[in-house]
Protein backbone atom coordinates (compact mmCIF):
# COMPACT_ATOMS: atom_id res chain seq x y z
CA UNK A 1 46.01 -37.25 31.16
CA UNK A 2 46.11 -41.14 31.06
CA UNK A 3 46.15 -44.27 32.98
CA UNK A 4 46.35 -47.12 30.61
CA UNK A 5 50.06 -47.61 30.52
CA UNK A 6 51.78 -44.64 31.97
CA UNK A 7 55.54 -45.11 32.26
CA UNK A 8 57.86 -43.44 34.72
CA UNK A 9 61.52 -43.00 33.95
CA UNK A 10 63.80 -45.34 35.84
CA UNK A 11 66.12 -42.43 36.61
CA UNK A 12 69.28 -44.40 35.84
CA UNK A 13 70.85 -41.27 34.36
CA UNK A 14 70.02 -39.01 37.27
CA UNK A 15 66.88 -37.54 35.69
CA UNK A 16 64.04 -37.14 38.17
CA UNK A 17 61.10 -39.50 37.88
CA UNK A 18 58.32 -37.99 35.82
CA UNK A 19 55.41 -39.11 33.76
CA UNK A 20 56.26 -39.92 30.15
CA UNK A 21 54.98 -37.06 27.99
CA UNK A 22 53.64 -37.52 24.49
CA UNK A 23 56.45 -35.36 23.10
CA UNK A 24 59.03 -37.67 24.62
CA UNK A 25 57.09 -40.75 23.44
CA UNK A 26 57.07 -39.38 19.89
CA UNK A 27 60.75 -38.44 20.04
CA UNK A 28 61.70 -41.99 21.07
CA UNK A 29 59.78 -43.56 18.19
CA UNK A 30 61.09 -41.08 15.62
CA UNK A 31 64.68 -41.68 16.72
CA UNK A 32 64.11 -45.42 16.37
CA UNK A 33 62.70 -44.96 12.86
CA UNK A 34 65.85 -43.04 12.01
CA UNK A 35 67.83 -46.16 12.86
CA UNK A 36 69.18 -45.25 16.29
CA UNK A 37 69.76 -48.08 18.76
CA UNK A 38 67.92 -48.40 22.06
CA UNK A 39 71.17 -47.71 23.90
CA UNK A 40 71.81 -44.51 21.92
CA UNK A 41 68.23 -43.28 22.42
CA UNK A 42 68.53 -43.98 26.14
CA UNK A 43 71.79 -42.04 26.38
CA UNK A 44 70.67 -39.04 24.33
CA UNK A 45 67.33 -38.63 26.13
CA UNK A 46 68.71 -39.58 29.55
CA UNK A 47 66.10 -42.25 30.19
CA UNK A 48 66.46 -45.95 30.91
CA UNK A 49 66.67 -48.56 28.19
CA UNK A 50 63.64 -50.29 29.75
CA UNK A 51 61.57 -47.15 29.23
CA UNK A 52 62.65 -47.01 25.58
CA UNK A 53 61.71 -50.66 25.12
CA UNK A 54 58.29 -50.13 26.69
CA UNK A 55 57.57 -47.20 24.37
CA UNK A 56 58.64 -49.16 21.29
CA UNK A 57 56.43 -52.09 22.30
CA UNK A 58 53.36 -49.87 22.52
CA UNK A 59 51.88 -48.74 19.21
CA UNK A 60 49.95 -45.86 20.80
CA UNK A 61 50.70 -43.32 23.50
CA UNK A 62 48.38 -43.95 26.44
CA UNK A 63 48.03 -40.97 28.77
CA UNK A 64 46.68 -41.01 32.30
CA UNK A 65 42.90 -40.87 32.45
CA UNK A 66 40.48 -41.05 35.36
CA UNK A 67 38.34 -44.15 35.49
CA UNK A 68 35.11 -42.65 36.72
CA UNK A 69 32.92 -43.81 33.87
CA UNK A 70 30.19 -46.36 34.65
CA UNK A 71 29.65 -48.25 31.42
CA UNK A 72 26.69 -50.35 32.58
CA UNK A 73 23.94 -48.17 31.11
CA UNK A 74 25.97 -47.56 27.97
CA UNK A 75 27.34 -51.05 27.36
CA UNK A 76 24.68 -52.09 24.85
CA UNK A 77 25.10 -48.78 22.97
CA UNK A 78 28.90 -48.85 22.76
CA UNK A 79 29.04 -50.42 19.24
CA UNK A 80 26.83 -47.57 17.99
CA UNK A 81 28.88 -45.01 19.89
CA UNK A 82 32.19 -46.29 18.53
CA UNK A 83 30.92 -46.16 14.94
CA UNK A 84 28.95 -42.93 15.18
CA UNK A 85 31.30 -40.77 17.27
CA UNK A 86 33.86 -40.07 14.50
CA UNK A 87 31.04 -39.16 12.11
CA UNK A 88 29.81 -36.50 14.55
CA UNK A 89 33.33 -35.29 15.34
CA UNK A 90 33.02 -36.77 18.86
CA UNK A 91 30.38 -34.20 19.81
CA UNK A 92 28.94 -35.61 23.05
CA UNK A 93 25.82 -33.43 22.93
CA UNK A 94 24.75 -34.70 19.51
CA UNK A 95 25.63 -38.27 20.42
CA UNK A 96 23.59 -38.02 23.62
CA UNK A 97 20.60 -36.76 21.61
CA UNK A 98 20.83 -39.71 19.19
CA UNK A 99 21.30 -42.23 22.00
CA UNK A 100 18.13 -40.99 23.73
CA UNK A 101 16.21 -41.76 20.54
CA UNK A 102 17.63 -45.29 20.63
CA UNK A 103 16.39 -45.88 24.17
CA UNK A 104 19.35 -44.82 26.29
CA UNK A 105 18.15 -43.88 29.79
CA UNK A 106 21.38 -42.63 31.35
CA UNK A 107 22.64 -39.09 31.69
CA UNK A 108 24.74 -36.80 29.52
CA UNK A 109 27.81 -36.98 31.77
CA UNK A 110 28.12 -40.73 31.21
CA UNK A 111 28.08 -40.20 27.43
CA UNK A 112 30.63 -37.40 27.72
CA UNK A 113 32.98 -39.62 29.75
CA UNK A 114 32.57 -42.48 27.26
CA UNK A 115 33.31 -40.23 24.28
CA UNK A 116 36.52 -38.82 25.78
CA UNK A 117 38.64 -42.00 25.38
CA UNK A 118 37.20 -42.57 21.90
CA UNK A 119 38.28 -39.07 20.90
CA UNK A 120 41.72 -39.61 22.44
CA UNK A 121 42.18 -42.97 20.69
CA UNK A 122 41.22 -41.40 17.38
CA UNK A 123 43.73 -38.61 17.94
CA UNK A 124 46.42 -41.14 18.84
CA UNK A 125 45.77 -43.10 15.65
CA UNK A 126 46.24 -39.93 13.68
CA UNK A 127 49.42 -39.12 15.59
CA UNK A 128 50.76 -42.65 15.23
CA UNK A 129 50.66 -42.35 11.47
CA UNK A 130 51.76 -38.73 11.40
CA UNK A 131 54.68 -37.66 9.30
CA UNK A 132 58.07 -37.76 10.92
CA UNK A 133 60.76 -35.49 9.63
CA UNK A 134 63.74 -37.02 7.84
CA UNK A 135 67.23 -35.58 7.46
CA UNK A 136 68.49 -34.33 4.07
CA UNK A 137 69.11 -36.98 1.44
CA UNK A 138 67.69 -39.85 3.47
CA UNK A 139 64.24 -40.62 2.16
CA UNK A 140 61.82 -40.14 -0.69
CA UNK A 141 58.26 -41.42 -0.84
CA UNK A 142 56.52 -42.76 -3.93
CA UNK A 143 52.86 -43.34 -4.65
CA UNK A 144 50.40 -43.67 -7.51
CA UNK A 145 47.14 -41.81 -7.91
CA UNK A 146 44.66 -41.64 -10.74
CA UNK A 147 42.17 -39.18 -12.17
CA UNK A 148 39.97 -38.83 -15.22
CA UNK A 149 40.90 -35.78 -17.27
CA UNK A 150 40.21 -34.44 -20.76
CA UNK A 151 43.07 -35.70 -22.92
CA UNK A 152 42.96 -34.99 -26.64
CA UNK A 153 39.25 -34.25 -26.41
CA UNK A 154 38.44 -37.55 -24.67
CA UNK A 155 37.79 -38.24 -21.01
CA UNK A 156 40.76 -40.44 -20.09
CA UNK A 157 41.87 -42.04 -16.85
CA UNK A 158 45.51 -41.15 -16.29
CA UNK A 159 47.83 -42.59 -13.65
CA UNK A 160 49.74 -40.09 -11.53
CA UNK A 161 53.25 -41.03 -10.40
CA UNK A 162 54.47 -38.83 -7.54
CA UNK A 163 57.83 -38.85 -5.79
CA UNK A 164 58.36 -36.49 -2.84
CA UNK A 165 61.71 -35.91 -1.13
CA UNK A 166 61.19 -36.21 2.62
CA UNK A 167 63.37 -33.34 3.80
CA UNK A 168 62.65 -30.64 1.24
CA UNK A 169 59.18 -31.74 0.04
CA UNK A 170 60.44 -31.20 -3.51
CA UNK A 171 58.15 -33.10 -5.84
CA UNK A 172 58.31 -34.91 -9.18
CA UNK A 173 55.12 -35.75 -11.07
CA UNK A 174 54.57 -37.83 -14.19
CA UNK A 175 51.35 -38.85 -15.92
CA UNK A 176 51.08 -42.28 -17.54
CA UNK A 177 48.44 -44.63 -18.91
CA UNK A 178 49.38 -47.61 -16.73
CA UNK A 179 51.23 -48.58 -13.56
CA UNK A 180 53.13 -51.56 -14.94
CA UNK A 181 56.68 -52.33 -13.83
CA UNK A 182 58.44 -50.91 -16.94
CA UNK A 183 56.45 -47.69 -16.50
CA UNK A 184 57.24 -47.55 -12.79
CA UNK A 185 60.96 -47.98 -13.45
CA UNK A 186 60.95 -45.33 -16.19
CA UNK A 187 59.20 -42.88 -13.84
CA UNK A 188 61.84 -43.49 -11.18
CA UNK A 189 64.64 -42.79 -13.63
CA UNK A 190 62.94 -39.61 -14.81
CA UNK A 191 62.54 -38.51 -11.18
CA UNK A 192 66.20 -39.19 -10.39
CA UNK A 193 67.19 -37.15 -13.44
CA UNK A 194 64.85 -34.33 -12.41
CA UNK A 195 66.28 -34.18 -8.89
CA UNK A 196 69.83 -34.78 -10.09
CA UNK A 197 70.43 -37.46 -7.48
CA UNK A 198 69.17 -40.43 -5.49
CA UNK A 199 68.02 -40.68 -1.85
CA UNK A 200 69.30 -43.36 0.51
CA UNK A 201 65.89 -45.02 0.68
CA UNK A 202 62.43 -44.81 -0.86
CA UNK A 203 59.22 -45.64 0.98
CA UNK A 204 56.48 -47.48 -0.91
CA UNK A 205 52.99 -48.71 -0.33
CA UNK A 206 52.35 -52.32 -1.29
CA UNK A 207 51.50 -52.35 -5.04
CA UNK A 208 51.72 -55.71 -6.78
CA UNK A 209 54.46 -54.42 -9.11
CA UNK A 210 56.71 -53.97 -6.07
CA UNK A 211 55.52 -56.38 -3.39
CA UNK A 212 54.80 -60.11 -3.50
CA UNK A 213 52.51 -61.84 -0.98
CA UNK A 214 51.06 -58.52 0.06
CA UNK A 215 48.29 -60.05 2.18
CA UNK A 216 50.64 -62.11 4.35
CA UNK A 217 53.28 -61.39 6.95
CA UNK A 218 55.89 -62.65 4.47
CA UNK A 219 55.57 -59.75 2.04
CA UNK A 220 58.74 -59.39 -0.02
CA UNK A 221 60.08 -57.16 -2.76
CA UNK A 222 59.50 -58.25 -6.34
CA UNK A 223 62.97 -59.55 -7.42
CA UNK A 224 62.78 -57.60 -10.68
CA UNK A 225 62.15 -54.35 -8.85
CA UNK A 226 64.71 -55.20 -6.19
CA UNK A 227 67.31 -55.58 -8.94
CA UNK A 228 66.45 -52.07 -10.11
CA UNK A 229 66.93 -50.74 -6.57
CA UNK A 230 70.31 -52.45 -6.33
CA UNK A 231 71.32 -50.97 -9.68
CA UNK A 232 70.74 -47.45 -8.37
CA UNK A 233 72.00 -48.25 -4.88
CA UNK A 234 69.05 -47.27 -2.70
CA UNK A 235 67.02 -49.24 -0.15
CA UNK A 236 63.30 -49.86 -0.77
CA UNK A 237 61.13 -49.58 2.34
CA UNK A 238 57.56 -50.84 2.62
CA UNK A 239 54.68 -49.35 4.56
CA UNK A 240 53.04 -51.55 7.15
CA UNK A 241 50.14 -53.42 5.48
CA UNK A 242 46.91 -51.40 5.65
CA UNK A 243 48.81 -48.46 7.13
CA UNK A 244 49.57 -46.52 3.98
CA UNK A 245 49.21 -43.26 5.88
CA UNK A 246 52.80 -43.68 6.95
CA UNK A 247 53.45 -42.25 3.50
CA UNK A 248 51.83 -39.00 4.53
CA UNK A 249 54.12 -36.72 2.55
CA UNK A 250 53.54 -38.35 -0.83
CA UNK A 251 49.83 -38.98 -0.31
CA UNK A 252 49.43 -35.27 0.42
CA UNK A 253 51.44 -34.69 -2.76
CA UNK A 254 49.03 -36.75 -4.86
CA UNK A 255 46.08 -34.77 -3.49
CA UNK A 256 47.94 -31.52 -4.09
CA UNK A 257 48.60 -32.42 -7.76
CA UNK A 258 44.93 -33.22 -8.31
CA UNK A 259 43.71 -30.07 -6.59
CA UNK A 260 46.29 -27.52 -7.70
CA UNK A 261 47.28 -28.70 -11.17
CA UNK A 262 44.73 -31.08 -12.69
CA UNK A 263 41.47 -29.54 -11.50
CA UNK A 264 39.54 -28.25 -14.52
CA UNK A 265 42.47 -28.72 -16.91
CA UNK A 266 42.38 -30.10 -20.46
CA UNK A 267 45.44 -31.28 -22.38
CA UNK A 268 45.92 -32.03 -26.08
CA UNK A 269 48.10 -35.06 -25.27
CA UNK A 270 49.80 -36.98 -22.49
CA UNK A 271 53.13 -35.44 -23.47
CA UNK A 272 51.62 -31.98 -23.13
CA UNK A 273 50.27 -32.83 -19.66
CA UNK A 274 53.75 -33.90 -18.57
CA UNK A 275 55.41 -30.81 -20.05
CA UNK A 276 52.96 -28.49 -18.32
CA UNK A 277 53.35 -30.52 -15.14
CA UNK A 278 57.07 -29.80 -15.00
CA UNK A 279 56.42 -26.09 -15.48
CA UNK A 280 53.88 -26.23 -12.64
CA UNK A 281 56.46 -27.91 -10.38
CA UNK A 282 59.08 -25.23 -11.06
CA UNK A 283 56.78 -22.23 -10.86
CA UNK A 284 54.17 -23.29 -8.30
CA UNK A 285 54.81 -26.44 -6.28
CA UNK A 286 58.46 -25.74 -5.48
CA UNK A 287 57.87 -22.03 -4.82
CA UNK A 288 54.97 -22.26 -2.34
CA UNK A 289 55.50 -22.00 1.40
CA UNK A 290 54.97 -25.56 2.59
CA UNK A 291 52.47 -25.91 5.43
CA UNK A 292 54.67 -28.22 7.50
CA UNK A 293 58.20 -26.94 6.91
CA UNK A 294 57.16 -23.28 6.51
CA UNK A 295 59.78 -22.96 3.78
CA UNK A 296 59.83 -23.18 0.02
CA UNK A 297 60.65 -26.71 -1.21
CA UNK A 298 63.07 -25.12 -3.69
CA UNK A 299 64.99 -23.46 -0.85
CA UNK A 300 65.18 -26.63 1.23
CA UNK A 301 66.14 -28.66 -1.84
CA UNK A 302 69.46 -26.84 -1.94
CA UNK A 303 70.24 -28.60 1.35
CA UNK A 304 68.86 -31.98 0.28
CA UNK A 305 72.29 -33.55 -0.34
CA UNK A 306 71.24 -36.43 -2.61
CA UNK A 307 73.75 -38.98 -3.82
CA UNK A 308 74.94 -38.09 -7.34
CA UNK A 309 73.58 -40.07 -10.27
CA UNK A 310 76.95 -40.64 -11.98
CA UNK A 311 77.02 -41.47 -15.68
CA UNK A 312 75.37 -44.86 -15.52
CA UNK A 313 73.19 -45.96 -18.47
CA UNK A 314 69.43 -46.42 -17.98
CA UNK A 315 68.41 -49.65 -16.30
CA UNK A 316 67.64 -52.47 -18.71
CA UNK A 317 64.62 -54.45 -17.55
CA UNK A 318 65.11 -58.06 -18.53
CA UNK A 319 61.91 -59.97 -19.24
CA UNK A 320 62.00 -63.52 -17.88
CA UNK A 321 59.43 -66.00 -19.10
CA UNK A 322 59.15 -69.71 -18.36
CA UNK A 323 57.97 -72.19 -20.95
CA UNK A 324 57.37 -75.92 -20.79
CA UNK A 325 59.28 -78.02 -23.32
CA UNK A 326 56.99 -80.50 -25.08
CA UNK A 327 57.93 -84.13 -25.75
CA UNK A 328 58.64 -83.26 -29.38
CA UNK A 329 61.21 -80.67 -28.19
CA UNK A 330 59.08 -77.70 -29.23
CA UNK A 331 58.79 -74.57 -27.11
CA UNK A 332 55.84 -72.21 -27.48
CA UNK A 333 57.10 -68.69 -26.86
CA UNK A 334 53.94 -66.75 -27.70
CA UNK A 335 50.69 -67.48 -29.40
CA UNK A 336 51.78 -67.72 -32.98
CA UNK A 337 51.29 -69.88 -36.10
CA UNK A 338 52.84 -73.32 -35.89
CA UNK A 339 55.41 -72.63 -38.61
CA UNK A 340 56.95 -69.91 -36.40
CA UNK A 341 57.81 -72.28 -33.53
CA UNK A 342 61.49 -73.00 -33.05
CA UNK A 343 62.82 -76.54 -32.86
CA UNK A 344 65.56 -76.92 -30.29
């Protein structure tokens, strides 16, 4: 169990001092993601605010661990060990065998002790990006996938739009030929209509149709897409850059669509693929016992409590284009013959 940064409760609420467990660490971070303040978390869990702050500052849980490993003999092999260990499922015996071939002269115990923190760090990384459960009506997750399928007798790459409701795991799927902004908006509206409501927020990865300056710390929502979000009254949330696994529910949904519905299928047209997809959702996806919730998505959906759509018309995507006015007061709108240009 850990040394690295093990916290002890400050006992300001009368709780006895004890080592911070991983369950408590996870509970603190989940409560924070749900929007609860440090003060409220401290009060509900009966721990000090300083403990809460320490947990929130640390990306990974660091349990107590004995420091009895002597890295001297292994130091030159650590880069190999770090890269190779996950590939061998952190099996110390196999790693020891390979290290001996590379010239390692130490013993097996040293390798075993060196592998243990690597295995633990890997497990923590998985846990840090694990799904956290959301209350009814709060969140949906959206992602794109793609797959080549037989469409009208031709092998065609189709784009797969997937929206998954966080609480119920109810799913909406639509197949398209592109991922452009008008298509993305249309898929959202179709999903809202399918679910009969709108969640409070939707979590996205960082596609260029949604996010500007993706590679910087100043990533921001595309104003055109943000206007769409405002129109429907929900909050767009972005995954941390390069940490798309925070969208675990929807990424599992994309894989599930490929494996359960698309595998080995042929469709006469894109429209047919979408029609059959909706049947598959009703009869298969929403009726299965979900591996995480252990309930049918259809049953949990009845408790989803989405905000009603109301009778608003579909969103109208305005296309804004900038053009330079020439000295002769002509504006070129598109590439067209000269006699079609408009004099201002």
